[in-house]
């Protein structure tokens, strides 16, 4: 156990650097997914048929009341 702790204490800066890199990657991915989801959702409810088709909502699968 002492060897494990010495590895952690000797390389603490490296572990912290990798931890923050992982947090940044998570944040960028979350923001990207949110933006993509908003774009696709707005395409699905668009009155333009071409955007509805690209957004994945055809008239047979997604009936929108008019």
C-alpha atoms as a PDB file:
ATOM      1  CA  UNK A   1       0.000   0.000   0.000  1.00  0.00           C
ATOM      2  CA  UNK A   2       2.878   2.346   0.750  1.00  0.00           C
ATOM      3  CA  UNK A   3       4.288   1.866  -2.748  1.00  0.00           C
ATOM      4  CA  UNK A   4       0.930   2.748  -4.266  1.00  0.00           C
ATOM      5  CA  UNK A   5       0.697   5.959  -2.248  1.00  0.00           C
ATOM      6  CA  UNK A   6       4.237   6.946  -3.162  1.00  0.00           C
ATOM      7  CA  UNK A   7       3.382   6.566  -6.854  1.00  0.00           C
ATOM      8  CA  UNK A   8       0.363   8.810  -6.356  1.00  0.00           C
ATOM      9  CA  UNK A   9       2.270  11.456  -4.443  1.00  0.00           C
ATOM     10  CA  UNK A  10       5.237  11.472  -6.835  1.00  0.00           C
ATOM     11  CA  UNK A  11       3.001  11.801  -9.906  1.00  0.00           C
ATOM     12  CA  UNK A  12       0.220  13.911  -8.423  1.00  0.00           C
ATOM     13  CA  UNK A  13       0.634  16.690 -10.968  1.00  0.00           C
ATOM     14  CA  UNK A  14       0.392  14.232 -13.843  1.00  0.00           C
ATOM     15  CA  UNK A  15      -2.748  12.651 -12.406  1.00  0.00           C
ATOM     16  CA  UNK A  16      -4.307  16.085 -11.877  1.00  0.00           C
ATOM     17  CA  UNK A  17      -3.469  17.097 -15.441  1.00  0.00           C
ATOM     18  CA  UNK A  18      -5.126  13.989 -16.854  1.00  0.00           C
ATOM     19  CA  UNK A  19      -8.125  14.454 -14.572  1.00  0.00           C
ATOM     20  CA  UNK A  20      -8.719  18.017 -15.782  1.00  0.00           C
ATOM     21  CA  UNK A  21      -8.239  16.926 -19.394  1.00  0.00           C
ATOM     22  CA  UNK A  22     -10.980  14.354 -18.865  1.00  0.00           C
ATOM     23  CA  UNK A  23     -13.254  16.976 -17.317  1.00  0.00           C
ATOM     24  CA  UNK A  24     -12.670  19.317 -20.268  1.00  0.00           C
ATOM     25  CA  UNK A  25     -13.381  16.527 -22.765  1.00  0.00           C
ATOM     26  CA  UNK A  26     -16.603  15.728 -20.912  1.00  0.00           C
ATOM     27  CA  UNK A  27     -17.670  19.388 -20.976  1.00  0.00           C
ATOM     28  CA  UNK A  28     -16.927  19.798 -24.688  1.00  0.00           C
ATOM     29  CA  UNK A  29     -18.821  16.594 -25.471  1.00  0.00           C
ATOM     30  CA  UNK A  30     -21.804  17.643 -23.363  1.00  0.00           C
ATOM     31  CA  UNK A  31     -22.011  21.073 -25.006  1.00  0.00           C
ATOM     32  CA  UNK A  32     -21.618  19.514 -28.457  1.00  0.00           C
ATOM     33  CA  UNK A  33     -24.375  16.986 -27.770  1.00  0.00           C
ATOM     34  CA  UNK A  34     -26.665  19.739 -26.494  1.00  0.00           C
ATOM     35  CA  UNK A  35     -26.106  21.873 -29.594  1.00  0.00           C
ATOM     36  CA  UNK A  36     -26.595  18.910 -31.935  1.00  0.00           C
ATOM     37  CA  UNK A  37     -29.757  17.899 -30.093  1.00  0.00           C
ATOM     38  CA  UNK A  38     -31.214  21.393 -30.325  1.00  0.00           C
ATOM     39  CA  UNK A  39     -30.447  21.568 -34.053  1.00  0.00           C
ATOM     40  CA  UNK A  40     -32.000  18.166 -34.751  1.00  0.00           C
ATOM     41  CA  UNK A  41     -35.057  18.891 -32.603  1.00  0.00           C
ATOM     42  CA  UNK A  42     -35.626  22.182 -34.399  1.00  0.00           C
ATOM     43  CA  UNK A  43     -35.299  20.399 -37.737  1.00  0.00           C
ATOM     44  CA  UNK A  44     -37.877  17.795 -36.695  1.00  0.00           C
ATOM     45  CA  UNK A  45     -40.534  20.412 -35.932  1.00  0.00           C
ATOM     46  CA  UNK A  46     -39.655  22.649 -38.869  1.00  0.00           C
ATOM     47  CA  UNK A  47     -42.427  23.534 -41.332  1.00  0.00           C
ATOM     48  CA  UNK A  48     -39.965  22.973 -44.208  1.00  0.00           C
ATOM     49  CA  UNK A  49     -40.356  19.386 -45.471  1.00  0.00           C
ATOM     50  CA  UNK A  50     -36.695  19.024 -46.463  1.00  0.00           C
ATOM     51  CA  UNK A  51     -35.521  19.946 -42.950  1.00  0.00           C
ATOM     52  CA  UNK A  52     -38.040  17.540 -41.401  1.00  0.00           C
ATOM     53  CA  UNK A  53     -36.705  14.730 -43.581  1.00  0.00           C
ATOM     54  CA  UNK A  54     -33.079  15.475 -42.728  1.00  0.00           C
ATOM     55  CA  UNK A  55     -34.043  15.775 -39.060  1.00  0.00           C
ATOM     56  CA  UNK A  56     -35.388  12.229 -39.152  1.00  0.00           C
ATOM     57  CA  UNK A  57     -39.089  12.941 -39.047  1.00  0.00           C
ATOM     58  CA  UNK A  58     -41.089  11.867 -42.097  1.00  0.00           C
ATOM     59  CA  UNK A  59     -44.819  12.311 -42.397  1.00  0.00           C
ATOM     60  CA  UNK A  60     -45.417   8.551 -41.870  1.00  0.00           C
ATOM     61  CA  UNK A  61     -43.399   8.357 -38.634  1.00  0.00           C
ATOM     62  CA  UNK A  62     -44.019  11.763 -37.131  1.00  0.00           C
ATOM     63  CA  UNK A  63     -47.396  13.323 -37.672  1.00  0.00           C
ATOM     64  CA  UNK A  64     -47.452  16.974 -36.677  1.00  0.00           C
ATOM     65  CA  UNK A  65     -50.822  18.687 -36.310  1.00  0.00           C
ATOM     66  CA  UNK A  66     -51.382  21.608 -38.616  1.00  0.00           C
END
